[in-house]
Amino acid sequence: MLPAILAQIGLPILTRVVSSGLSAIDDPAARAASKALGEVGDALAGDRVAPEQLAAANRHVEAMTRLSVERETGVLAQINETMRTEARSEDAYVRRWRPTFGYAVAVTWTVQMAGLTYAVVMTPKHAGEILAAMTHLSVIWSVALSVLGINVAKRSQDKAVAAGRTPAPSLVQRLTAPILGGSEPAGGAQAANAAPAVAPQRPPGPPGGR
């Protein structure tokens, strides 16, 4: 999207913008390139370049941009197809990577906590240093536990879809639905649209209580 827009702007504005950006970099090569592009921009703005040559240069930029966009589109399409193929795969290794990751996280967590407890009990004088060192692992564990949580949630959704049920909306979807104008969660909509239960009424008896 952005390369196509830049290609439509044309060389004069492109050279001016790039020259201005390079001038802010404190580097001899960047300053030299900025100066050279500035001279090119002045030449283009001063009609020192034939209009035919400028049009040909713009067409070349557009063609190269089109090729770049087509290549990136092809790469993204191939990645998407690969991901869908992996999702449909019946291979045991592909199917079991999520439980394998969960077991690995569980074993790692158990070993680490056991080692931490042993180290604190056996060397209490270094307990503060050990606990302080453990805080440096918080980022790693936050990533691992986040991936594990996403895997568990997605597995639950996959099971619901395979069983023919619509997955329940997440908390984020419920909170953002009124803001984004989305539909109300299925459970809430069904409860709101359900008619109130009415107790059956007995027909009136004959006059006189007979």
Protein backbone atom coordinates (compact mmCIF):
# COMPACT_ATOMS: atom_id res chain seq x y z
CA MET A 1 0.00 0.00 0.00
CA LEU A 2 2.65 2.54 1.05
CA PRO A 3 5.05 1.77 -1.85
CA ALA A 4 2.21 2.22 -4.34
CA ILE A 5 1.34 5.62 -2.85
CA LEU A 6 4.97 6.70 -2.92
CA ALA A 7 5.27 5.58 -6.52
CA GLN A 8 2.31 7.72 -7.52
CA ILE A 9 3.82 10.80 -5.88
CA GLY A 10 6.67 10.95 -8.37
CA LEU A 11 10.41 11.41 -8.23
CA PRO A 12 10.54 15.15 -7.41
CA ILE A 13 8.68 14.80 -4.12
CA LEU A 14 10.33 11.48 -3.31
CA THR A 15 13.82 12.90 -3.67
CA ARG A 16 12.91 15.90 -1.53
CA VAL A 17 11.39 13.77 1.22
CA VAL A 18 14.25 11.26 1.29
CA SER A 19 16.83 14.06 1.23
CA SER A 20 15.14 15.74 4.19
CA GLY A 21 15.07 12.47 6.11
CA LEU A 22 18.73 11.68 5.48
CA SER A 23 19.79 15.18 6.51
CA ALA A 24 18.66 14.42 10.06
CA ILE A 25 21.12 11.51 10.35
CA ASP A 26 24.49 12.41 11.82
CA ASP A 27 26.59 10.34 9.43
CA PRO A 28 28.88 11.43 6.57
CA ALA A 29 27.38 8.95 4.12
CA ALA A 30 23.83 10.03 4.98
CA ARG A 31 24.74 13.71 4.61
CA ALA A 32 26.41 13.06 1.26
CA ALA A 33 23.38 11.14 0.02
CA SER A 34 21.09 13.91 1.28
CA LYS A 35 23.11 16.52 -0.59
CA ALA A 36 23.13 14.46 -3.78
CA LEU A 37 19.39 13.87 -3.61
CA GLY A 38 18.86 17.56 -2.95
CA GLU A 39 20.74 18.40 -6.12
CA VAL A 40 18.67 15.86 -8.03
CA GLY A 41 15.49 17.37 -6.62
CA ASP A 42 16.61 20.85 -7.64
CA ALA A 43 17.34 19.59 -11.14
CA LEU A 44 13.92 17.99 -11.40
CA ALA A 45 12.16 21.05 -10.01
CA GLY A 46 14.13 23.43 -12.23
CA ASP A 47 13.03 21.76 -15.46
CA ARG A 48 16.60 20.70 -16.19
CA VAL A 49 15.34 17.20 -16.90
CA ALA A 50 13.27 16.54 -20.00
CA PRO A 51 9.62 15.72 -19.24
CA GLU A 52 9.93 12.53 -21.29
CA GLN A 53 12.82 11.32 -19.12
CA LEU A 54 10.96 12.21 -15.92
CA ALA A 55 7.86 10.35 -17.11
CA ALA A 56 9.98 7.33 -18.02
CA ALA A 57 11.62 7.40 -14.57
CA ASN A 58 8.23 7.57 -12.87
CA ARG A 59 7.00 4.63 -14.93
CA HIS A 60 10.10 2.68 -13.92
CA VAL A 61 9.44 3.42 -10.23
CA GLU A 62 5.83 2.30 -10.62
CA ALA A 63 6.88 -0.91 -12.38
CA MET A 64 9.46 -1.76 -9.71
CA THR A 65 6.94 -0.99 -6.98
CA ARG A 66 4.37 -3.23 -8.64
CA LEU A 67 6.87 -6.07 -8.82
CA SER A 68 7.76 -5.59 -5.15
CA VAL A 69 4.10 -5.60 -4.09
CA GLU A 70 3.38 -8.71 -6.17
CA ARG A 71 6.35 -10.49 -4.64
CA GLU A 72 5.30 -9.61 -1.09
CA THR A 73 1.72 -10.64 -1.86
CA GLY A 74 2.94 -13.98 -3.16
CA VAL A 75 5.06 -14.55 -0.06
CA LEU A 76 2.14 -13.75 2.26
CA ALA A 77 -0.18 -16.00 0.25
CA GLN A 78 2.32 -18.85 0.49
CA ILE A 79 2.70 -18.36 4.25
CA ASN A 80 -1.07 -18.33 4.66
CA GLU A 81 -1.45 -21.51 2.61
CA THR A 82 1.29 -23.20 4.64
CA MET A 83 -0.43 -22.29 7.91
CA ARG A 84 -3.78 -23.61 6.66
CA THR A 85 -2.15 -26.81 5.47
CA GLU A 86 -0.54 -27.31 8.88
CA ALA A 87 -3.88 -26.66 10.59
CA ARG A 88 -5.57 -29.32 8.44
CA SER A 89 -2.74 -31.79 8.86
CA GLU A 90 -3.44 -35.14 10.50
CA ASP A 91 0.21 -35.72 11.33
CA ALA A 92 0.71 -36.67 14.97
CA TYR A 93 3.66 -34.32 15.40
CA VAL A 94 1.63 -31.34 14.17
CA ARG A 95 -1.43 -32.36 16.18
CA ARG A 96 0.43 -32.83 19.44
CA TRP A 97 2.66 -29.79 19.52
CA ARG A 98 0.33 -27.91 21.86
CA PRO A 99 0.14 -30.60 24.55
CA THR A 100 3.88 -31.18 24.13
CA PHE A 101 4.51 -27.49 24.78
CA GLY A 102 2.20 -27.61 27.80
CA TYR A 103 3.99 -30.61 29.29
CA ALA A 104 7.37 -28.97 28.65
CA VAL A 105 6.27 -25.79 30.43
CA ALA A 106 4.89 -27.81 33.35
CA VAL A 107 8.09 -29.85 33.74
CA THR A 108 10.28 -26.76 33.45
CA TRP A 109 8.19 -24.91 36.02
CA THR A 110 8.31 -27.83 38.45
CA VAL A 111 12.07 -28.30 38.12
CA GLN A 112 12.72 -24.58 38.51
CA MET A 113 10.50 -24.22 41.58
CA ALA A 114 12.03 -27.33 43.16
CA GLY A 115 15.54 -26.03 42.51
CA LEU A 116 14.62 -22.59 43.85
CA THR A 117 13.16 -24.07 47.03
CA TYR A 118 16.19 -26.30 47.56
CA ALA A 119 18.60 -23.41 47.02
CA VAL A 120 16.77 -21.13 49.45
CA VAL A 121 16.49 -23.83 52.13
CA MET A 122 20.09 -25.01 51.84
CA THR A 123 21.66 -21.55 51.52
CA PRO A 124 19.38 -19.15 53.39
CA LYS A 125 22.05 -16.46 53.54
CA HIS A 126 21.83 -16.13 49.74
CA ALA A 127 18.03 -16.27 49.61
CA GLY A 128 17.72 -12.58 48.77
CA GLU A 129 20.15 -12.83 45.88
CA ILE A 130 18.46 -15.97 44.56
CA LEU A 131 15.00 -14.41 44.65
CA ALA A 132 16.32 -11.23 43.04
CA ALA A 133 17.89 -13.28 40.26
CA MET A 134 14.57 -15.06 39.69
CA THR A 135 12.93 -11.76 38.76
CA HIS A 136 15.04 -11.67 35.60
CA LEU A 137 13.12 -14.72 34.35
CA SER A 138 9.75 -12.98 34.58
CA VAL A 139 9.81 -11.89 30.93
CA ILE A 140 10.62 -15.38 29.69
CA TRP A 141 7.92 -16.94 31.81
CA SER A 142 5.35 -14.34 30.83
CA VAL A 143 5.90 -15.21 27.17
CA ALA A 144 5.76 -18.96 27.78
CA LEU A 145 2.64 -18.79 29.94
CA SER A 146 0.94 -16.44 27.47
CA VAL A 147 1.56 -18.87 24.63
CA LEU A 148 0.30 -21.72 26.81
CA GLY A 149 -2.87 -19.82 27.68
CA ILE A 150 -3.56 -19.00 24.04
CA ASN A 151 -3.02 -22.64 23.09
CA VAL A 152 -5.50 -23.82 25.73
CA ALA A 153 -8.11 -21.27 24.66
CA LYS A 154 -7.73 -22.06 20.97
CA ARG A 155 -7.92 -25.78 21.66
CA SER A 156 -11.21 -25.26 23.46
CA GLN A 157 -12.52 -23.27 20.50
CA ASP A 158 -11.38 -25.97 18.08
CA LYS A 159 -13.24 -28.61 20.07
CA ALA A 160 -16.38 -26.48 20.12
CA VAL A 161 -16.25 -25.92 16.37
CA ALA A 162 -15.60 -29.62 15.72
CA ALA A 163 -18.66 -30.46 17.83
CA GLY A 164 -20.80 -28.07 15.80
CA ARG A 165 -21.14 -25.45 18.52
CA THR A 166 -20.40 -21.76 18.23
CA PRO A 167 -17.51 -20.82 20.55
CA ALA A 168 -18.47 -18.53 23.40
CA PRO A 169 -17.23 -14.95 22.94
CA SER A 170 -14.18 -13.96 24.91
CA LEU A 171 -14.12 -11.26 27.57
CA VAL A 172 -12.43 -8.84 25.17
CA GLN A 173 -15.10 -9.47 22.52
CA ARG A 174 -17.85 -8.87 25.06
CA LEU A 175 -16.29 -5.61 26.21
CA THR A 176 -15.57 -4.28 22.72
CA ALA A 177 -18.83 -5.39 21.06
CA PRO A 178 -20.86 -2.34 22.26
CA ILE A 179 -18.05 0.03 21.30
CA LEU A 180 -17.40 -1.44 17.86
CA GLY A 181 -21.07 -1.91 17.12
CA GLY A 182 -20.79 -5.69 17.00
CA SER A 183 -23.53 -8.11 17.80
CA GLU A 184 -24.29 -9.00 21.38
CA PRO A 185 -22.79 -12.27 22.63
CA ALA A 186 -24.88 -15.29 21.84
CA GLY A 187 -25.75 -16.04 25.45
CA GLY A 188 -26.83 -12.47 26.18
CA ALA A 189 -28.82 -12.14 22.98
CA GLN A 190 -30.67 -15.37 23.59
CA ALA A 191 -31.50 -14.36 27.14
CA ALA A 192 -32.71 -10.92 26.02
CA ASN A 193 -34.81 -12.28 23.19
CA ALA A 194 -36.35 -15.09 25.23
CA ALA A 195 -40.04 -14.50 25.97
CA PRO A 196 -40.98 -14.47 29.65
CA ALA A 197 -42.60 -17.63 30.86
CA VAL A 198 -46.35 -17.31 31.45
CA ALA A 199 -48.12 -19.66 33.84
CA PRO A 200 -51.00 -21.54 32.21
CA GLN A 201 -54.43 -20.30 33.27
CA ARG A 202 -57.31 -22.62 34.11
CA PRO A 203 -60.51 -22.03 32.22
CA PRO A 204 -63.28 -20.52 34.36
CA GLY A 205 -65.67 -23.03 35.90
CA PRO A 206 -69.42 -23.09 35.34
CA PRO A 207 -71.58 -20.54 37.18
CA GLY A 208 -72.63 -21.51 40.63
CA GLY A 209 -69.54 -23.58 41.27
CA ARG A 210 -70.93 -26.67 39.58
